[in-house]
C-alpha atoms as a PDB file:
ATOM      1  CA  MET A   1      14.696 -33.796 -17.358  1.00  0.00           C
ATOM      2  CA  ARG A   2      11.562 -32.753 -15.485  1.00  0.00           C
ATOM      3  CA  ARG A   3      13.629 -30.762 -13.003  1.00  0.00           C
ATOM      4  CA  ILE A   4      15.649 -29.144 -15.789  1.00  0.00           C
ATOM      5  CA  VAL A   5      12.503 -28.151 -17.696  1.00  0.00           C
ATOM      6  CA  SER A   6      10.919 -26.840 -14.472  1.00  0.00           C
ATOM      7  CA  HIS A   7      13.972 -24.713 -13.683  1.00  0.00           C
ATOM      8  CA  ILE A   8      14.117 -23.365 -17.237  1.00  0.00           C
ATOM      9  CA  GLY A   9      10.454 -22.393 -16.993  1.00  0.00           C
ATOM     10  CA  LEU A  10      10.993 -20.700 -13.626  1.00  0.00           C
ATOM     11  CA  ILE A  11      14.011 -18.802 -14.959  1.00  0.00           C
ATOM     12  CA  PHE A  12      12.020 -17.644 -17.973  1.00  0.00           C
ATOM     13  CA  PHE A  13       9.053 -16.357 -15.953  1.00  0.00           C
ATOM     14  CA  SER A  14      11.385 -14.749 -13.399  1.00  0.00           C
ATOM     15  CA  ALA A  15      13.137 -12.948 -16.236  1.00  0.00           C
ATOM     16  CA  VAL A  16       9.771 -11.737 -17.571  1.00  0.00           C
ATOM     17  CA  VAL A  17       9.030 -10.222 -14.153  1.00  0.00           C
ATOM     18  CA  LEU A  18      12.500  -8.860 -13.362  1.00  0.00           C
ATOM     19  CA  LEU A  19      13.663  -7.509 -16.719  1.00  0.00           C
ATOM     20  CA  PRO A  20      11.326  -4.471 -16.766  1.00  0.00           C
ATOM     21  CA  ILE A  21      12.466  -3.556 -13.250  1.00  0.00           C
ATOM     22  CA  LEU A  22      16.120  -4.003 -14.158  1.00  0.00           C
ATOM     23  CA  TRP A  23      15.663  -1.922 -17.316  1.00  0.00           C
ATOM     24  CA  VAL A  24      14.084   0.898 -15.289  1.00  0.00           C
ATOM     25  CA  LEU A  25      17.063   0.749 -12.928  1.00  0.00           C
ATOM     26  CA  ARG A  26      19.446   0.804 -15.901  1.00  0.00           C
ATOM     27  CA  THR A  27      17.648   3.817 -17.410  1.00  0.00           C
ATOM     28  CA  SER A  28      17.921   5.688 -14.115  1.00  0.00           C
ATOM     29  CA  LEU A  29      21.710   5.278 -14.146  1.00  0.00           C
ATOM     30  CA  VAL A  30      22.424   6.649 -17.628  1.00  0.00           C
ATOM     31  CA  PRO A  31      22.415  10.236 -18.956  1.00  0.00           C
ATOM     32  CA  GLU A  32      19.151  11.551 -20.372  1.00  0.00           C
ATOM     33  CA  HIS A  33      20.402  11.483 -23.976  1.00  0.00           C
ATOM     34  CA  LEU A  34      21.212   7.751 -23.649  1.00  0.00           C
ATOM     35  CA  SER A  35      17.998   6.738 -21.888  1.00  0.00           C
ATOM     36  CA  TYR A  36      16.446   5.379 -25.100  1.00  0.00           C
ATOM     37  CA  SER A  37      19.650   3.724 -26.230  1.00  0.00           C
ATOM     38  CA  SER A  38      19.632  -0.040 -26.741  1.00  0.00           C
ATOM     39  CA  GLN A  39      23.006  -0.407 -25.040  1.00  0.00           C
ATOM     40  CA  ILE A  40      22.690  -2.420 -21.865  1.00  0.00           C
ATOM     41  CA  LEU A  41      25.340  -0.546 -19.859  1.00  0.00           C
ATOM     42  CA  PRO A  42      26.530   2.691 -21.451  1.00  0.00           C
ATOM     43  CA  GLU A  43      28.208   5.294 -19.248  1.00  0.00           C
ATOM     44  CA  LEU A  44      26.748   5.188 -15.754  1.00  0.00           C
ATOM     45  CA  THR A  45      25.963   8.234 -13.647  1.00  0.00           C
ATOM     46  CA  LEU A  46      23.988   9.261 -10.563  1.00  0.00           C
ATOM     47  CA  ASP A  47      23.070  12.645 -12.027  1.00  0.00           C
ATOM     48  CA  ASN A  48      19.395  11.704 -12.365  1.00  0.00           C
ATOM     49  CA  TYR A  49      19.100  10.923  -8.664  1.00  0.00           C
ATOM     50  CA  VAL A  50      21.002  14.076  -7.724  1.00  0.00           C
ATOM     51  CA  ALA A  51      18.764  16.192  -9.970  1.00  0.00           C
ATOM     52  CA  LEU A  52      15.633  14.719  -8.402  1.00  0.00           C
ATOM     53  CA  PHE A  53      16.645  15.812  -4.921  1.00  0.00           C
ATOM     54  CA  THR A  54      18.276  19.126  -5.818  1.00  0.00           C
ATOM     55  CA  THR A  55      16.093  20.606  -8.548  1.00  0.00           C
ATOM     56  CA  LYS A  56      12.837  18.633  -8.221  1.00  0.00           C
ATOM     57  CA  HIS A  57      12.678  18.535  -4.382  1.00  0.00           C
ATOM     58  CA  PHE A  58      11.891  14.822  -4.534  1.00  0.00           C
ATOM     59  CA  GLY A  59      12.992  14.356  -0.921  1.00  0.00           C
ATOM     60  CA  ASN A  60       9.969  16.322   0.323  1.00  0.00           C
ATOM     61  CA  ASN A  61       7.646  14.262  -1.868  1.00  0.00           C
ATOM     62  CA  TYR A  62       9.210  11.051  -0.609  1.00  0.00           C
ATOM     63  CA  LEU A  63       8.769  12.092   3.016  1.00  0.00           C
ATOM     64  CA  ASN A  64       5.169  13.105   2.345  1.00  0.00           C
ATOM     65  CA  SER A  65       4.384   9.660   0.896  1.00  0.00           C
ATOM     66  CA  ILE A  66       5.929   7.876   3.863  1.00  0.00           C
ATOM     67  CA  LEU A  67       4.062  10.017   6.407  1.00  0.00           C
ATOM     68  CA  VAL A  68       0.737   9.722   4.598  1.00  0.00           C
ATOM     69  CA  ALA A  69       0.984   5.953   3.995  1.00  0.00           C
ATOM     70  CA  VAL A  70       2.084   5.157   7.554  1.00  0.00           C
ATOM     71  CA  GLY A  71      -0.444   7.574   9.058  1.00  0.00           C
ATOM     72  CA  SER A  72      -3.331   6.131   7.047  1.00  0.00           C
ATOM     73  CA  VAL A  73      -2.441   2.608   8.200  1.00  0.00           C
ATOM     74  CA  ILE A  74      -2.259   3.751  11.838  1.00  0.00           C
ATOM     75  CA  VAL A  75      -5.703   5.354  11.521  1.00  0.00           C
ATOM     76  CA  ALA A  76      -7.379   2.537   9.578  1.00  0.00           C
ATOM     77  CA  MET A  77      -6.033  -0.594  11.286  1.00  0.00           C
ATOM     78  CA  PRO A  78      -7.704  -0.202  14.730  1.00  0.00           C
ATOM     79  CA  LEU A  79     -11.051   0.463  13.048  1.00  0.00           C
ATOM     80  CA  ALA A  80     -10.553  -2.418  10.605  1.00  0.00           C
ATOM     81  CA  CYS A  81      -9.584  -4.818  13.414  1.00  0.00           C
ATOM     82  CA  THR A  82     -12.584  -4.046  15.605  1.00  0.00           C
ATOM     83  CA  THR A  83     -15.052  -3.960  12.706  1.00  0.00           C
ATOM     84  CA  GLY A  84     -13.698  -7.159  11.164  1.00  0.00           C
ATOM     85  CA  TYR A  85     -13.846  -8.886  14.537  1.00  0.00           C
ATOM     86  CA  ALA A  86     -17.452  -7.769  15.077  1.00  0.00           C
ATOM     87  CA  PHE A  87     -18.446  -9.100  11.661  1.00  0.00           C
ATOM     88  CA  ALA A  88     -16.595 -12.394  12.227  1.00  0.00           C
ATOM     89  CA  ARG A  89     -17.748 -13.177  15.762  1.00  0.00           C
ATOM     90  CA  PHE A  90     -21.097 -11.478  16.278  1.00  0.00           C
ATOM     91  CA  ARG A  91     -22.401 -11.387  12.695  1.00  0.00           C
ATOM     92  CA  THR A  92     -23.071  -7.673  13.141  1.00  0.00           C
ATOM     93  CA  SER A  93     -25.606  -6.359  10.590  1.00  0.00           C
ATOM     94  CA  GLY A  94     -25.856  -9.830   9.097  1.00  0.00           C
ATOM     95  CA  ARG A  95     -24.697 -10.866   5.665  1.00  0.00           C
ATOM     96  CA  ALA A  96     -26.187  -7.752   4.054  1.00  0.00           C
ATOM     97  CA  GLY A  97     -24.107  -5.505   6.312  1.00  0.00           C
ATOM     98  CA  ARG A  98     -20.902  -7.339   5.534  1.00  0.00           C
ATOM     99  CA  PHE A  99     -21.451  -7.233   1.806  1.00  0.00           C
ATOM    100  CA  SER A 100     -22.442  -3.573   1.952  1.00  0.00           C
ATOM    101  CA  VAL A 101     -18.979  -2.831   3.356  1.00  0.00           C
ATOM    102  CA  LEU A 102     -17.375  -4.620   0.423  1.00  0.00           C
ATOM    103  CA  ALA A 103     -19.782  -2.998  -2.035  1.00  0.00           C
ATOM    104  CA  THR A 104     -18.353   0.427  -1.223  1.00  0.00           C
ATOM    105  CA  GLN A 105     -15.129  -0.695  -2.943  1.00  0.00           C
ATOM    106  CA  MET A 106     -17.053  -0.994  -6.204  1.00  0.00           C
ATOM    107  CA  LEU A 107     -17.523   2.778  -6.420  1.00  0.00           C
ATOM    108  CA  PRO A 108     -15.005   4.332  -8.821  1.00  0.00           C
ATOM    109  CA  PRO A 109     -12.721   6.736  -6.943  1.00  0.00           C
ATOM    110  CA  VAL A 110     -13.460   9.499  -9.455  1.00  0.00           C
ATOM    111  CA  ALA A 111     -17.110   9.466  -8.291  1.00  0.00           C
ATOM    112  CA  LEU A 112     -15.936  10.353  -4.769  1.00  0.00           C
ATOM    113  CA  ALA A 113     -13.352  12.926  -5.801  1.00  0.00           C
ATOM    114  CA  LEU A 114     -15.618  15.963  -6.269  1.00  0.00           C
ATOM    115  CA  PRO A 115     -17.728  15.609  -3.075  1.00  0.00           C
ATOM    116  CA  THR A 116     -14.575  14.854  -1.082  1.00  0.00           C
ATOM    117  CA  PHE A 117     -12.886  17.960  -2.463  1.00  0.00           C
ATOM    118  CA  MET A 118     -15.919  20.151  -1.678  1.00  0.00           C
ATOM    119  CA  PHE A 119     -16.079  18.818   1.873  1.00  0.00           C
ATOM    120  CA  TYR A 120     -12.340  19.205   2.425  1.00  0.00           C
ATOM    121  CA  ARG A 121     -12.402  22.774   1.105  1.00  0.00           C
ATOM    122  CA  THR A 122     -15.237  23.596   3.503  1.00  0.00           C
ATOM    123  CA  VAL A 123     -13.436  22.241   6.572  1.00  0.00           C
ATOM    124  CA  GLY A 124      -9.996  23.463   5.460  1.00  0.00           C
ATOM    125  CA  LEU A 125      -8.268  20.104   4.989  1.00  0.00           C
ATOM    126  CA  THR A 126      -7.056  20.601   1.422  1.00  0.00           C
ATOM    127  CA  ASN A 127      -3.308  20.729   0.877  1.00  0.00           C
ATOM    128  CA  SER A 128      -2.627  19.020   4.207  1.00  0.00           C
ATOM    129  CA  LEU A 129      -1.031  15.705   5.122  1.00  0.00           C
ATOM    130  CA  PRO A 130      -3.614  14.850   7.832  1.00  0.00           C
ATOM    131  CA  GLY A 131      -6.338  15.313   5.216  1.00  0.00           C
ATOM    132  CA  LEU A 132      -4.663  12.797   2.893  1.00  0.00           C
ATOM    133  CA  MET A 133      -4.182  10.375   5.789  1.00  0.00           C
ATOM    134  CA  LEU A 134      -7.891  10.502   6.615  1.00  0.00           C
ATOM    135  CA  VAL A 135      -9.093  10.041   3.045  1.00  0.00           C
ATOM    136  CA  TYR A 136      -6.688   7.140   2.440  1.00  0.00           C
ATOM    137  CA  ALA A 137      -7.778   5.498   5.680  1.00  0.00           C
ATOM    138  CA  ALA A 138     -11.425   5.855   4.637  1.00  0.00           C
ATOM    139  CA  LEU A 139     -10.738   4.450   1.162  1.00  0.00           C
ATOM    140  CA  ASN A 140      -8.805   1.437   2.484  1.00  0.00           C
ATOM    141  CA  LEU A 141     -11.002   0.700   5.514  1.00  0.00           C
ATOM    142  CA  PRO A 142     -13.629  -1.490   3.736  1.00  0.00           C
ATOM    143  CA  PHE A 143     -10.936  -3.558   2.007  1.00  0.00           C
ATOM    144  CA  LEU A 144      -8.921  -4.036   5.203  1.00  0.00           C
ATOM    145  CA  THR A 145     -12.077  -4.871   7.177  1.00  0.00           C
ATOM    146  CA  TRP A 146     -13.041  -7.581   4.716  1.00  0.00           C
ATOM    147  CA  ILE A 147      -9.562  -9.107   4.786  1.00  0.00           C
ATOM    148  CA  LEU A 148      -9.343  -9.081   8.589  1.00  0.00           C
ATOM    149  CA  MET A 149     -12.814 -10.586   8.892  1.00  0.00           C
ATOM    150  CA  GLY A 150     -11.514 -13.714   7.170  1.00  0.00           C
ATOM    151  CA  PHE A 151      -8.500 -13.833   9.482  1.00  0.00           C
ATOM    152  CA  PHE A 152     -10.606 -13.506  12.631  1.00  0.00           C
ATOM    153  CA  GLU A 153     -13.013 -16.193  11.429  1.00  0.00           C
ATOM    154  CA  SER A 154     -10.034 -18.560  11.269  1.00  0.00           C
ATOM    155  CA  VAL A 155      -9.187 -18.007  14.949  1.00  0.00           C
ATOM    156  CA  PRO A 156     -10.916 -20.744  17.033  1.00  0.00           C
ATOM    157  CA  SER A 157     -13.578 -19.235  19.283  1.00  0.00           C
ATOM    158  CA  ASP A 158     -12.654 -21.814  21.936  1.00  0.00           C
ATOM    159  CA  LEU A 159      -9.563 -19.746  22.734  1.00  0.00           C
ATOM    160  CA  GLU A 160     -11.715 -16.789  23.737  1.00  0.00           C
ATOM    161  CA  GLY A 161     -14.066 -19.040  25.675  1.00  0.00           C
ATOM    162  CA  ALA A 162     -11.150 -20.456  27.648  1.00  0.00           C
ATOM    163  CA  ALA A 163      -9.831 -16.976  28.395  1.00  0.00           C
ATOM    164  CA  MET A 164     -13.213 -15.753  29.619  1.00  0.00           C
ATOM    165  CA  THR A 165     -13.576 -18.882  31.741  1.00  0.00           C
ATOM    166  CA  ASP A 166     -10.340 -17.845  33.454  1.00  0.00           C
ATOM    167  CA  GLY A 167     -11.829 -14.434  34.211  1.00  0.00           C
ATOM    168  CA  ALA A 168     -11.004 -12.337  31.156  1.00  0.00           C
ATOM    169  CA  THR A 169     -13.558  -9.931  29.764  1.00  0.00           C
ATOM    170  CA  ALA A 170     -14.631 -10.037  26.126  1.00  0.00           C
ATOM    171  CA  TRP A 171     -12.351  -7.065  25.403  1.00  0.00           C
ATOM    172  CA  GLY A 172      -9.504  -8.703  27.345  1.00  0.00           C
ATOM    173  CA  ALA A 173      -9.874 -11.920  25.347  1.00  0.00           C
ATOM    174  CA  PHE A 174      -9.831  -9.944  22.112  1.00  0.00           C
ATOM    175  CA  TRP A 175      -6.785  -7.891  23.152  1.00  0.00           C
ATOM    176  CA  ARG A 176      -4.704 -10.657  24.777  1.00  0.00           C
ATOM    177  CA  ILE A 177      -5.734 -13.740  22.775  1.00  0.00           C
ATOM    178  CA  VAL A 178      -7.248 -12.941  19.385  1.00  0.00           C
ATOM    179  CA  LEU A 179      -4.923 -10.138  18.294  1.00  0.00           C
ATOM    180  CA  PRO A 180      -1.661 -12.047  19.031  1.00  0.00           C
ATOM    181  CA  VAL A 181      -2.977 -15.157  17.254  1.00  0.00           C
ATOM    182  CA  ALA A 182      -4.095 -13.117  14.243  1.00  0.00           C
ATOM    183  CA  ALA A 183      -0.882 -11.027  14.169  1.00  0.00           C
ATOM    184  CA  PRO A 184       0.326 -12.482  10.823  1.00  0.00           C
ATOM    185  CA  GLY A 185      -2.962 -11.571   9.180  1.00  0.00           C
ATOM    186  CA  ILE A 186      -2.931  -8.105  10.719  1.00  0.00           C
ATOM    187  CA  ALA A 187       0.628  -7.578   9.466  1.00  0.00           C
ATOM    188  CA  ALA A 188      -0.380  -8.667   5.964  1.00  0.00           C
ATOM    189  CA  ALA A 189      -3.364  -6.309   5.972  1.00  0.00           C
ATOM    190  CA  ALA A 190      -1.202  -3.431   7.204  1.00  0.00           C
ATOM    191  CA  VAL A 191       1.314  -3.984   4.400  1.00  0.00           C
ATOM    192  CA  LEU A 192      -1.445  -4.081   1.795  1.00  0.00           C
ATOM    193  CA  GLY A 193      -2.912  -0.883   3.234  1.00  0.00           C
ATOM    194  CA  PHE A 194       0.513   0.766   3.053  1.00  0.00           C
ATOM    195  CA  ILE A 195       0.930  -0.273  -0.587  1.00  0.00           C
ATOM    196  CA  LEU A 196      -2.521   1.022  -1.552  1.00  0.00           C
ATOM    197  CA  SER A 197      -1.841   4.379   0.119  1.00  0.00           C
ATOM    198  CA  TRP A 198       1.665   4.637  -1.322  1.00  0.00           C
ATOM    199  CA  ASN A 199       0.478   4.108  -4.901  1.00  0.00           C
ATOM    200  CA  GLU A 200      -2.647   6.316  -4.772  1.00  0.00           C
ATOM    201  CA  PHE A 201      -2.616   9.178  -7.284  1.00  0.00           C
ATOM    202  CA  LEU A 202      -6.066  10.702  -7.862  1.00  0.00           C
ATOM    203  CA  PHE A 203      -6.836  12.055  -4.385  1.00  0.00           C
ATOM    204  CA  ALA A 204      -3.218  13.104  -3.850  1.00  0.00           C
ATOM    205  CA  LEU A 205      -3.503  15.194  -7.021  1.00  0.00           C
ATOM    206  CA  ILE A 206      -6.909  16.719  -6.219  1.00  0.00           C
ATOM    207  CA  LEU A 207      -6.597  17.283  -2.473  1.00  0.00           C
ATOM    208  CA  GLY A 208      -2.875  18.039  -2.289  1.00  0.00           C
ATOM    209  CA  GLY A 209      -0.680  20.849  -3.474  1.00  0.00           C
ATOM    210  CA  PRO A 210       2.988  21.609  -4.132  1.00  0.00           C
ATOM    211  CA  ARG A 211       3.781  21.416  -0.410  1.00  0.00           C
ATOM    212  CA  THR A 212       2.025  18.060   0.142  1.00  0.00           C
ATOM    213  CA  ALA A 213       2.642  16.346  -3.229  1.00  0.00           C
ATOM    214  CA  THR A 214       3.370  12.636  -2.907  1.00  0.00           C
ATOM    215  CA  VAL A 215       5.662  10.464  -5.020  1.00  0.00           C
ATOM    216  CA  PRO A 216       3.071   9.527  -7.724  1.00  0.00           C
ATOM    217  CA  VAL A 217       2.167  13.206  -8.207  1.00  0.00           C
ATOM    218  CA  ALA A 218       5.841  14.196  -8.305  1.00  0.00           C
ATOM    219  CA  LEU A 219       6.580  11.575 -10.964  1.00  0.00           C
ATOM    220  CA  ALA A 220       3.643  12.763 -13.074  1.00  0.00           C
ATOM    221  CA  SER A 221       4.991  16.319 -12.917  1.00  0.00           C
ATOM    222  CA  LEU A 222       8.167  15.233 -14.725  1.00  0.00           C
ATOM    223  CA  GLN A 223       6.284  15.470 -18.026  1.00  0.00           C
ATOM    224  CA  THR A 224       7.443  18.761 -19.539  1.00  0.00           C
ATOM    225  CA  SER A 225       6.790  20.635 -22.789  1.00  0.00           C
ATOM    226  CA  ASN A 226       9.840  18.871 -24.226  1.00  0.00           C
ATOM    227  CA  GLY A 227       8.492  15.438 -23.365  1.00  0.00           C
ATOM    228  CA  VAL A 228       8.854  13.039 -20.462  1.00  0.00           C
ATOM    229  CA  GLU A 229      12.153  13.165 -18.599  1.00  0.00           C
ATOM    230  CA  ILE A 230      12.360   9.410 -18.743  1.00  0.00           C
ATOM    231  CA  ALA A 231      15.716   9.072 -16.979  1.00  0.00           C
ATOM    232  CA  LYS A 232      14.512  11.082 -13.970  1.00  0.00           C
ATOM    233  CA  VAL A 233      11.188   9.216 -14.006  1.00  0.00           C
ATOM    234  CA  SER A 234      13.107   5.924 -13.913  1.00  0.00           C
ATOM    235  CA  ALA A 235      15.171   7.201 -10.982  1.00  0.00           C
ATOM    236  CA  GLY A 236      11.999   8.196  -9.166  1.00  0.00           C
ATOM    237  CA  VAL A 237      10.347   4.852  -9.875  1.00  0.00           C
ATOM    238  CA  SER A 238      13.422   3.009  -8.587  1.00  0.00           C
ATOM    239  CA  LEU A 239      13.219   4.977  -5.351  1.00  0.00           C
ATOM    240  CA  ALA A 240       9.430   4.595  -5.160  1.00  0.00           C
ATOM    241  CA  ILE A 241       9.519   0.788  -5.124  1.00  0.00           C
ATOM    242  CA  LEU A 242      12.306   0.702  -2.530  1.00  0.00           C
ATOM    243  CA  PRO A 243      10.106   1.039   0.622  1.00  0.00           C
ATOM    244  CA  LEU A 244       7.750  -1.644  -0.672  1.00  0.00           C
ATOM    245  CA  MET A 245      10.638  -4.051  -1.264  1.00  0.00           C
ATOM    246  CA  ILE A 246      12.109  -3.346   2.180  1.00  0.00           C
ATOM    247  CA  ALA A 247       8.763  -3.763   3.953  1.00  0.00           C
ATOM    248  CA  SER A 248       8.007  -7.005   2.099  1.00  0.00           C
ATOM    249  CA  ARG A 249      11.488  -8.346   2.842  1.00  0.00           C
ATOM    250  CA  PHE A 250      11.331  -7.748   6.579  1.00  0.00           C
ATOM    251  CA  ILE A 251       7.831  -9.160   7.067  1.00  0.00           C
ATOM    252  CA  GLN A 252       7.843 -11.700   4.250  1.00  0.00           C
ATOM    253  CA  ARG A 253       7.208 -14.570   6.619  1.00  0.00           C
ATOM    254  CA  TYR A 254       4.236 -12.820   8.231  1.00  0.00           C
ATOM    255  CA  LEU A 255       2.926 -11.679   4.857  1.00  0.00           C
ATOM    256  CA  VAL A 256       2.840 -15.187   3.358  1.00  0.00           C
ATOM    257  CA  GLN A 257       1.510 -16.706   6.574  1.00  0.00           C
ATOM    258  CA  GLY A 258      -1.115 -14.010   6.900  1.00  0.00           C
ATOM    259  CA  LEU A 259      -2.386 -14.234   3.323  1.00  0.00           C
ATOM    260  CA  SER A 260      -2.823 -17.997   3.691  1.00  0.00           C
ATOM    261  CA  PHE A 261      -4.149 -17.713   7.256  1.00  0.00           C
ATOM    262  CA  GLY A 262      -7.559 -16.409   6.304  1.00  0.00           C
ATOM    263  CA  SER A 263      -8.161 -19.074   3.667  1.00  0.00           C
ATOM    264  CA  VAL A 264      -7.534 -22.090   5.926  1.00  0.00           C
ATOM    265  CA  LYS A 265     -10.331 -23.039   8.262  1.00  0.00           C
END
């Protein structure tokens, strides 16, 4: 009976999580005039997806999001790895320095939007993908640094000592020993950085333009004078969560191992 009750509870909570996603997928596959219908499976069509790519140019927005999210991770991860390692091993700047890095995450993004826009307009980085990559990397860097600091603290320092005894330099020990051991944690941090960049809306709206609009901005633009095109929004949302599901599926083992790696001493 305990196992039956446990399975019933798991099924119930899984349904609570999955049903909204399945309903969004269902809404994306029905005509606009049936999107608010209570029928589970009325007539199915791919017209909403076709309209997104033909009339809304959603393909360009999708490519922009992928380039910006991947580029921001590529820019932020080397800095986060070296900074997190310095905090973990050498206690750089002491406890105050480490907490000051985390404290920057407490600033509301809207407080940074205006000065960032003024600076970007001065240097000519508005409406550009490299500009979005840089601002996303800067926004995610403190969070990624704090996460990686916990991972590096969990790597035994004896491994580096043994490597340096065999003739490796401090940089060589970090590159050949610490990074491979902490690879699951680095992978988990990279995925979280990708998700944060993929979902960001405010700076993409302020610093971007029609040519560089990302998926969140494109979905927000589907609100017209006649209301929200809910069927097309559902199609866009279904496509927006696809890269996150694929990335999580392929590195699920590293993600789970990495998230638990930093909490086990």
